């Protein structure tokens, strides 16, 4: 999975909430997370700002250590 997905889940954000915070439509967040869409540079900057993670790290593949069960 992308670190973007992991970071979103760690913060208990839905795609809709992350999309609202970053001004990106939730369906686009889903397409980015699934690898069907390469994010535009302005989106990367907005996601960096919202999640506090450098953009180049957000799109690295990471292990889903806890299977998305964060809390």
N, C-alpha and C. Protein backbone atom coordinates (compact mmCIF):
# COMPACT_ATOMS: atom_id res chain seq x y z
N UNK A 1 0.84 -1.17 0.00
CA UNK A 1 0.00 0.00 0.00
C UNK A 1 0.89 1.23 0.00
N UNK A 2 0.32 2.34 -0.43
CA UNK A 2 1.06 3.59 -0.40
C UNK A 2 1.09 4.15 1.02
N UNK A 3 2.17 4.83 1.32
CA UNK A 3 2.26 5.47 2.63
C UNK A 3 1.12 6.47 2.81
N UNK A 4 0.67 7.06 1.73
CA UNK A 4 -0.48 7.96 1.79
C UNK A 4 -1.66 7.29 2.48
N UNK A 5 -1.97 6.08 2.07
CA UNK A 5 -3.09 5.33 2.66
C UNK A 5 -2.83 5.05 4.14
N UNK A 6 -1.61 4.62 4.45
CA UNK A 6 -1.26 4.32 5.84
C UNK A 6 -1.38 5.57 6.72
N UNK A 7 -0.86 6.69 6.24
CA UNK A 7 -0.92 7.94 7.00
C UNK A 7 -2.37 8.40 7.18
N UNK A 8 -3.17 8.24 6.14
CA UNK A 8 -4.59 8.61 6.24
C UNK A 8 -5.29 7.77 7.30
N UNK A 9 -5.03 6.47 7.27
CA UNK A 9 -5.66 5.57 8.24
C UNK A 9 -5.17 5.83 9.66
N UNK A 10 -3.87 6.11 9.82
CA UNK A 10 -3.32 6.38 11.15
C UNK A 10 -4.00 7.57 11.79
N UNK A 11 -4.45 8.50 10.96
CA UNK A 11 -5.11 9.71 11.47
C UNK A 11 -6.64 9.55 11.51
N UNK A 12 -7.10 8.33 11.22
CA UNK A 12 -8.54 8.05 11.21
C UNK A 12 -9.30 8.99 10.28
N UNK A 13 -8.69 9.26 9.12
CA UNK A 13 -9.34 10.11 8.12
C UNK A 13 -9.97 9.24 7.04
N UNK A 14 -11.18 9.57 6.69
CA UNK A 14 -11.79 8.94 5.52
C UNK A 14 -11.21 9.61 4.27
N UNK A 15 -11.44 9.02 3.15
CA UNK A 15 -11.03 9.67 1.90
C UNK A 15 -11.76 10.99 1.74
N UNK A 16 -13.01 11.02 2.16
CA UNK A 16 -13.80 12.26 2.05
C UNK A 16 -13.20 13.36 2.93
N UNK A 17 -12.81 13.02 4.16
CA UNK A 17 -12.25 14.02 5.06
C UNK A 17 -10.89 14.50 4.56
N UNK A 18 -10.03 13.56 4.14
CA UNK A 18 -8.74 13.96 3.60
C UNK A 18 -8.93 14.82 2.36
N UNK A 19 -9.86 14.42 1.51
CA UNK A 19 -10.14 15.20 0.31
C UNK A 19 -10.59 16.62 0.64
N UNK A 20 -11.43 16.74 1.66
CA UNK A 20 -11.90 18.07 2.07
C UNK A 20 -10.74 18.91 2.60
N UNK A 21 -9.88 18.30 3.40
CA UNK A 21 -8.75 19.03 3.97
C UNK A 21 -7.74 19.45 2.90
N UNK A 22 -7.57 18.61 1.88
CA UNK A 22 -6.58 18.88 0.83
C UNK A 22 -7.19 19.47 -0.44
N UNK A 23 -8.50 19.67 -0.44
CA UNK A 23 -9.21 20.18 -1.60
C UNK A 23 -8.99 19.30 -2.83
N UNK A 24 -9.17 17.99 -2.60
CA UNK A 24 -9.09 16.99 -3.67
C UNK A 24 -10.33 16.11 -3.54
N UNK A 25 -11.01 15.84 -4.63
CA UNK A 25 -12.22 15.04 -4.57
C UNK A 25 -11.91 13.65 -4.00
N UNK A 26 -12.77 13.12 -3.12
CA UNK A 26 -12.52 11.81 -2.51
C UNK A 26 -12.30 10.69 -3.52
N UNK A 27 -12.98 10.74 -4.65
CA UNK A 27 -12.78 9.69 -5.66
C UNK A 27 -11.37 9.76 -6.23
N UNK A 28 -10.82 10.96 -6.31
CA UNK A 28 -9.45 11.11 -6.79
C UNK A 28 -8.46 10.56 -5.75
N UNK A 29 -8.75 10.76 -4.46
CA UNK A 29 -7.92 10.18 -3.41
C UNK A 29 -7.90 8.66 -3.58
N UNK A 30 -9.06 8.08 -3.81
CA UNK A 30 -9.15 6.63 -4.02
C UNK A 30 -8.36 6.17 -5.23
N UNK A 31 -8.45 6.93 -6.31
CA UNK A 31 -7.71 6.56 -7.53
C UNK A 31 -6.21 6.68 -7.32
N UNK A 32 -5.77 7.68 -6.55
CA UNK A 32 -4.35 7.82 -6.23
C UNK A 32 -3.90 6.64 -5.38
N UNK A 33 -4.66 6.33 -4.34
CA UNK A 33 -4.29 5.25 -3.43
C UNK A 33 -4.24 3.90 -4.14
N UNK A 34 -5.08 3.71 -5.13
CA UNK A 34 -5.10 2.43 -5.85
C UNK A 34 -4.07 2.37 -6.97
N UNK A 35 -3.40 3.50 -7.22
CA UNK A 35 -2.39 3.53 -8.26
C UNK A 35 -2.92 3.78 -9.66
N UNK A 36 -4.20 4.10 -9.77
CA UNK A 36 -4.79 4.35 -11.08
C UNK A 36 -4.59 5.78 -11.56
N UNK A 37 -4.13 6.66 -10.65
CA UNK A 37 -3.95 8.07 -11.00
C UNK A 37 -2.67 8.58 -10.37
N UNK A 38 -1.85 9.22 -11.19
CA UNK A 38 -0.64 9.87 -10.68
C UNK A 38 -1.05 11.26 -10.20
N UNK A 39 -0.72 11.60 -8.95
CA UNK A 39 -1.17 12.90 -8.43
C UNK A 39 -0.43 14.06 -9.08
N UNK A 40 -1.16 15.14 -9.26
CA UNK A 40 -0.59 16.36 -9.78
C UNK A 40 0.26 17.02 -8.71
N UNK A 41 1.28 17.78 -9.12
CA UNK A 41 2.17 18.44 -8.17
C UNK A 41 1.43 19.29 -7.13
N UNK A 42 0.43 20.08 -7.53
CA UNK A 42 -0.29 20.86 -6.50
C UNK A 42 -0.99 19.97 -5.47
N UNK A 43 -1.48 18.81 -5.90
CA UNK A 43 -2.12 17.89 -4.97
C UNK A 43 -1.10 17.34 -3.99
N UNK A 44 0.08 17.01 -4.49
CA UNK A 44 1.14 16.49 -3.63
C UNK A 44 1.47 17.50 -2.55
N UNK A 45 1.59 18.76 -2.93
CA UNK A 45 1.89 19.81 -1.95
C UNK A 45 0.79 19.94 -0.90
N UNK A 46 -0.47 19.84 -1.33
CA UNK A 46 -1.58 19.94 -0.38
C UNK A 46 -1.61 18.75 0.57
N UNK A 47 -1.35 17.55 0.02
CA UNK A 47 -1.32 16.35 0.87
C UNK A 47 -0.17 16.41 1.87
N UNK A 48 0.98 16.90 1.43
CA UNK A 48 2.13 17.10 2.33
C UNK A 48 1.74 17.98 3.51
N UNK A 49 1.09 19.08 3.19
CA UNK A 49 0.71 20.05 4.21
C UNK A 49 -0.29 19.46 5.21
N UNK A 50 -1.27 18.74 4.70
CA UNK A 50 -2.30 18.16 5.56
C UNK A 50 -1.73 17.04 6.43
N UNK A 51 -0.91 16.17 5.84
CA UNK A 51 -0.43 14.99 6.57
C UNK A 51 0.92 15.20 7.25
N UNK A 52 1.63 16.26 6.89
CA UNK A 52 2.92 16.52 7.51
C UNK A 52 3.99 15.51 7.14
N UNK A 53 3.87 14.95 5.94
CA UNK A 53 4.83 13.96 5.44
C UNK A 53 5.32 14.45 4.08
N UNK A 54 6.64 14.41 3.84
CA UNK A 54 7.16 14.84 2.53
C UNK A 54 6.50 14.07 1.38
N UNK A 55 6.21 14.79 0.32
CA UNK A 55 5.51 14.22 -0.83
C UNK A 55 6.20 13.01 -1.43
N UNK A 56 7.54 13.02 -1.48
CA UNK A 56 8.23 11.88 -2.07
C UNK A 56 8.04 10.62 -1.22
N UNK A 57 7.77 10.78 0.06
CA UNK A 57 7.53 9.63 0.93
C UNK A 57 6.09 9.14 0.87
N UNK A 58 5.16 10.05 0.58
CA UNK A 58 3.74 9.67 0.55
C UNK A 58 3.42 8.61 -0.50
N UNK A 59 4.25 8.55 -1.54
CA UNK A 59 3.92 7.66 -2.65
C UNK A 59 4.84 6.45 -2.73
N UNK A 60 5.52 6.17 -1.62
CA UNK A 60 6.33 4.95 -1.50
C UNK A 60 5.42 3.81 -1.05
N UNK A 61 5.76 2.61 -1.51
CA UNK A 61 5.05 1.43 -1.05
C UNK A 61 5.55 1.07 0.35
N UNK A 62 4.62 0.77 1.26
CA UNK A 62 4.96 0.37 2.62
C UNK A 62 4.15 -0.87 2.99
N UNK A 63 4.63 -1.59 4.01
CA UNK A 63 3.90 -2.74 4.52
C UNK A 63 2.75 -2.25 5.39
N UNK A 64 1.64 -2.95 5.30
CA UNK A 64 0.49 -2.65 6.14
C UNK A 64 0.65 -3.46 7.43
N UNK A 65 1.50 -2.95 8.32
CA UNK A 65 1.92 -3.68 9.51
C UNK A 65 0.73 -4.12 10.36
N UNK A 66 -0.22 -3.23 10.55
CA UNK A 66 -1.34 -3.57 11.43
C UNK A 66 -2.64 -3.79 10.67
N UNK A 67 -2.54 -4.05 9.37
CA UNK A 67 -3.73 -4.30 8.54
C UNK A 67 -4.76 -3.19 8.60
N UNK A 68 -4.27 -1.95 8.80
CA UNK A 68 -5.17 -0.81 8.81
C UNK A 68 -5.90 -0.59 10.11
N UNK A 69 -5.63 -1.43 11.11
CA UNK A 69 -6.30 -1.28 12.40
C UNK A 69 -5.45 -0.39 13.29
N UNK A 70 -5.63 0.89 13.16
CA UNK A 70 -4.84 1.85 13.93
C UNK A 70 -5.70 2.38 15.07
N UNK A 71 -5.06 2.61 16.19
CA UNK A 71 -5.85 3.22 17.25
C UNK A 71 -5.31 3.04 18.57
